[in-house]
Amino acid sequence: MKNIMPYIRPLGVIAIFIAVFTWGLELAHFVPTCPYCQVQRTIIGVLGILMVLPNIRYATLLLTVVLGLFGTNVSSDQIFMMVREHNFMNMIMLLAVCASFIIAGQMIMLVKRESI
């Protein structure tokens, strides 16, 4: 597996941009207010900040695991809620799945950075 260190900061900046852009869309009232989405975009932004900042050995790992697991739990709860209501084919379901993959990927990169 290649070293991820050259890519972690640019991907962190992209994650921060995604979080700020989606918060801007909600605050400008282009998308409806959704508490699940708010938590997911906030976690993506905070993990992005952790990706950009220098590595503080155990503090970064602790924040990554706690916030990342909370974010994936919220996104899986939202996905399960939509599956339970037989509401499969909509944009919110797709965005929840994407948020889950983004958060999981950020967690993998941050934990991998800890082991280097």
C-alpha atoms as a PDB file:
ATOM      1  CA  MET A   1       0.000   0.000   0.000  1.00  0.00           C
ATOM      2  CA  LYS A   2       1.306   3.425  -0.907  1.00  0.00           C
ATOM      3  CA  ASN A   3       2.084   6.071   1.647  1.00  0.00           C
ATOM      4  CA  ILE A   4      -0.958   8.293   2.171  1.00  0.00           C
ATOM      5  CA  MET A   5       0.860  11.193   3.779  1.00  0.00           C
ATOM      6  CA  PRO A   6       1.239  13.279   0.567  1.00  0.00           C
ATOM      7  CA  TYR A   7      -2.524  13.048  -0.037  1.00  0.00           C
ATOM      8  CA  ILE A   8      -3.960  13.528   3.434  1.00  0.00           C
ATOM      9  CA  ARG A   9      -3.753  17.336   3.612  1.00  0.00           C
ATOM     10  CA  PRO A  10      -5.235  18.058   0.141  1.00  0.00           C
ATOM     11  CA  LEU A  11      -8.049  15.593   0.869  1.00  0.00           C
ATOM     12  CA  GLY A  12      -8.588  17.300   4.233  1.00  0.00           C
ATOM     13  CA  VAL A  13      -8.943  20.654   2.481  1.00  0.00           C
ATOM     14  CA  ILE A  14     -11.472  19.107   0.080  1.00  0.00           C
ATOM     15  CA  ALA A  15     -13.425  17.684   3.053  1.00  0.00           C
ATOM     16  CA  ILE A  16     -13.476  21.094   4.735  1.00  0.00           C
ATOM     17  CA  PHE A  17     -14.679  22.662   1.483  1.00  0.00           C
ATOM     18  CA  ILE A  18     -17.463  20.056   1.209  1.00  0.00           C
ATOM     19  CA  ALA A  19     -18.590  20.777   4.784  1.00  0.00           C
ATOM     20  CA  VAL A  20     -18.519  24.562   4.367  1.00  0.00           C
ATOM     21  CA  PHE A  21     -20.251  24.412   0.972  1.00  0.00           C
ATOM     22  CA  THR A  22     -23.067  22.164   2.198  1.00  0.00           C
ATOM     23  CA  TRP A  23     -23.544  24.267   5.340  1.00  0.00           C
ATOM     24  CA  GLY A  24     -23.747  27.305   3.076  1.00  0.00           C
ATOM     25  CA  LEU A  25     -26.421  25.613   0.968  1.00  0.00           C
ATOM     26  CA  GLU A  26     -28.505  24.951   4.063  1.00  0.00           C
ATOM     27  CA  LEU A  27     -28.029  28.403   5.559  1.00  0.00           C
ATOM     28  CA  ALA A  28     -29.029  29.963   2.214  1.00  0.00           C
ATOM     29  CA  HIS A  29     -32.207  27.798   2.316  1.00  0.00           C
ATOM     30  CA  PHE A  30     -31.419  25.911  -0.899  1.00  0.00           C
ATOM     31  CA  VAL A  31     -31.870  22.561   0.856  1.00  0.00           C
ATOM     32  CA  PRO A  32     -34.273  21.610   3.670  1.00  0.00           C
ATOM     33  CA  THR A  33     -33.050  21.419   7.248  1.00  0.00           C
ATOM     34  CA  CYS A  34     -32.104  17.869   8.258  1.00  0.00           C
ATOM     35  CA  PRO A  35     -30.510  17.121  11.643  1.00  0.00           C
ATOM     36  CA  TYR A  36     -28.924  13.913  10.310  1.00  0.00           C
ATOM     37  CA  CYS A  37     -27.307  15.820   7.440  1.00  0.00           C
ATOM     38  CA  GLN A  38     -26.101  18.557   9.789  1.00  0.00           C
ATOM     39  CA  VAL A  39     -24.287  16.044  11.971  1.00  0.00           C
ATOM     40  CA  GLN A  40     -22.758  14.261   8.978  1.00  0.00           C
ATOM     41  CA  ARG A  41     -21.440  17.425   7.339  1.00  0.00           C
ATOM     42  CA  THR A  42     -20.077  18.685  10.655  1.00  0.00           C
ATOM     43  CA  ILE A  43     -18.222  15.416  11.272  1.00  0.00           C
ATOM     44  CA  ILE A  44     -16.811  15.512   7.723  1.00  0.00           C
ATOM     45  CA  GLY A  45     -15.557  19.050   8.382  1.00  0.00           C
ATOM     46  CA  VAL A  46     -14.044  18.271  11.780  1.00  0.00           C
ATOM     47  CA  LEU A  47     -12.286  15.171  10.450  1.00  0.00           C
ATOM     48  CA  GLY A  48     -11.066  17.306   7.547  1.00  0.00           C
ATOM     49  CA  ILE A  49      -9.593  19.759  10.042  1.00  0.00           C
ATOM     50  CA  LEU A  50      -7.866  16.853  11.803  1.00  0.00           C
ATOM     51  CA  MET A  51      -6.454  15.782   8.434  1.00  0.00           C
ATOM     52  CA  VAL A  52      -4.977  19.240   7.798  1.00  0.00           C
ATOM     53  CA  LEU A  53      -3.581  19.860  11.283  1.00  0.00           C
ATOM     54  CA  PRO A  54      -0.313  18.292  12.435  1.00  0.00           C
ATOM     55  CA  ASN A  55      -0.562  14.885  14.025  1.00  0.00           C
ATOM     56  CA  ILE A  56      -0.903  14.926  17.823  1.00  0.00           C
ATOM     57  CA  ARG A  57      -0.404  11.249  18.521  1.00  0.00           C
ATOM     58  CA  TYR A  58      -3.184  10.046  20.823  1.00  0.00           C
ATOM     59  CA  ALA A  59      -5.470  13.089  20.795  1.00  0.00           C
ATOM     60  CA  THR A  60      -5.946  12.840  17.024  1.00  0.00           C
ATOM     61  CA  LEU A  61      -6.600   9.107  17.230  1.00  0.00           C
ATOM     62  CA  LEU A  62      -9.134   9.532  20.045  1.00  0.00           C
ATOM     63  CA  LEU A  63     -11.018  12.329  18.267  1.00  0.00           C
ATOM     64  CA  THR A  64     -10.948  10.396  14.997  1.00  0.00           C
ATOM     65  CA  VAL A  65     -12.422   7.245  16.485  1.00  0.00           C
ATOM     66  CA  VAL A  66     -15.058   8.949  18.644  1.00  0.00           C
ATOM     67  CA  LEU A  67     -16.263  11.466  16.055  1.00  0.00           C
ATOM     68  CA  GLY A  68     -15.939   9.068  13.126  1.00  0.00           C
ATOM     69  CA  LEU A  69     -17.953   6.322  14.786  1.00  0.00           C
ATOM     70  CA  PHE A  70     -20.591   8.845  15.825  1.00  0.00           C
ATOM     71  CA  GLY A  71     -20.819  10.137  12.245  1.00  0.00           C
ATOM     72  CA  THR A  72     -21.078   6.677  10.718  1.00  0.00           C
ATOM     73  CA  ASN A  73     -23.706   5.741  13.302  1.00  0.00           C
ATOM     74  CA  VAL A  74     -25.806   8.787  12.401  1.00  0.00           C
ATOM     75  CA  SER A  75     -25.519   8.084   8.674  1.00  0.00           C
ATOM     76  CA  SER A  76     -26.404   4.413   9.138  1.00  0.00           C
ATOM     77  CA  ASP A  77     -29.405   5.436  11.269  1.00  0.00           C
ATOM     78  CA  GLN A  78     -30.577   7.722   8.466  1.00  0.00           C
ATOM     79  CA  ILE A  79     -30.121   4.967   5.873  1.00  0.00           C
ATOM     80  CA  PHE A  80     -31.980   2.460   8.066  1.00  0.00           C
ATOM     81  CA  MET A  81     -34.814   4.944   8.607  1.00  0.00           C
ATOM     82  CA  MET A  82     -35.266   5.322   4.848  1.00  0.00           C
ATOM     83  CA  VAL A  83     -35.083   1.573   4.234  1.00  0.00           C
ATOM     84  CA  ARG A  84     -37.708   1.004   6.919  1.00  0.00           C
ATOM     85  CA  GLU A  85     -40.035   3.468   5.171  1.00  0.00           C
ATOM     86  CA  HIS A  86     -39.368   1.778   1.771  1.00  0.00           C
ATOM     87  CA  ASN A  87     -37.987   5.085   0.516  1.00  0.00           C
ATOM     88  CA  PHE A  88     -34.981   3.846  -1.462  1.00  0.00           C
ATOM     89  CA  MET A  89     -34.707   5.987  -4.551  1.00  0.00           C
ATOM     90  CA  ASN A  90     -34.138   9.559  -3.455  1.00  0.00           C
ATOM     91  CA  MET A  91     -31.261  12.004  -3.236  1.00  0.00           C
ATOM     92  CA  ILE A  92     -31.092  12.019   0.568  1.00  0.00           C
ATOM     93  CA  MET A  93     -30.470   8.262   0.629  1.00  0.00           C
ATOM     94  CA  LEU A  94     -27.634   8.650  -1.877  1.00  0.00           C
ATOM     95  CA  LEU A  95     -26.108  11.530   0.093  1.00  0.00           C
ATOM     96  CA  ALA A  96     -26.300   9.553   3.355  1.00  0.00           C
ATOM     97  CA  VAL A  97     -24.472   6.632   1.740  1.00  0.00           C
ATOM     98  CA  CYS A  98     -21.837   9.008   0.332  1.00  0.00           C
ATOM     99  CA  ALA A  99     -21.398  10.677   3.737  1.00  0.00           C
ATOM    100  CA  SER A 100     -20.923   7.274   5.334  1.00  0.00           C
ATOM    101  CA  PHE A 101     -18.194   6.367   2.829  1.00  0.00           C
ATOM    102  CA  ILE A 102     -16.482   9.764   3.189  1.00  0.00           C
ATOM    103  CA  ILE A 103     -16.407   9.521   6.983  1.00  0.00           C
ATOM    104  CA  ALA A 104     -15.146   5.929   6.861  1.00  0.00           C
ATOM    105  CA  GLY A 105     -12.422   6.915   4.401  1.00  0.00           C
ATOM    106  CA  GLN A 106     -11.354   9.835   6.567  1.00  0.00           C
ATOM    107  CA  MET A 107     -11.170   7.543   9.583  1.00  0.00           C
ATOM    108  CA  ILE A 108      -9.039   5.029   7.698  1.00  0.00           C
ATOM    109  CA  MET A 109      -6.609   7.720   6.541  1.00  0.00           C
ATOM    110  CA  LEU A 110      -6.290   9.309   9.981  1.00  0.00           C
ATOM    111  CA  VAL A 111      -5.764   5.954  11.734  1.00  0.00           C
ATOM    112  CA  LYS A 112      -3.272   4.935   9.038  1.00  0.00           C
ATOM    113  CA  ARG A 113      -1.395   8.197   9.621  1.00  0.00           C
ATOM    114  CA  GLU A 114      -1.161   7.279  13.324  1.00  0.00           C
ATOM    115  CA  SER A 115       0.581   3.981  12.519  1.00  0.00           C
ATOM    116  CA  ILE A 116       3.274   5.619  10.395  1.00  0.00           C
END
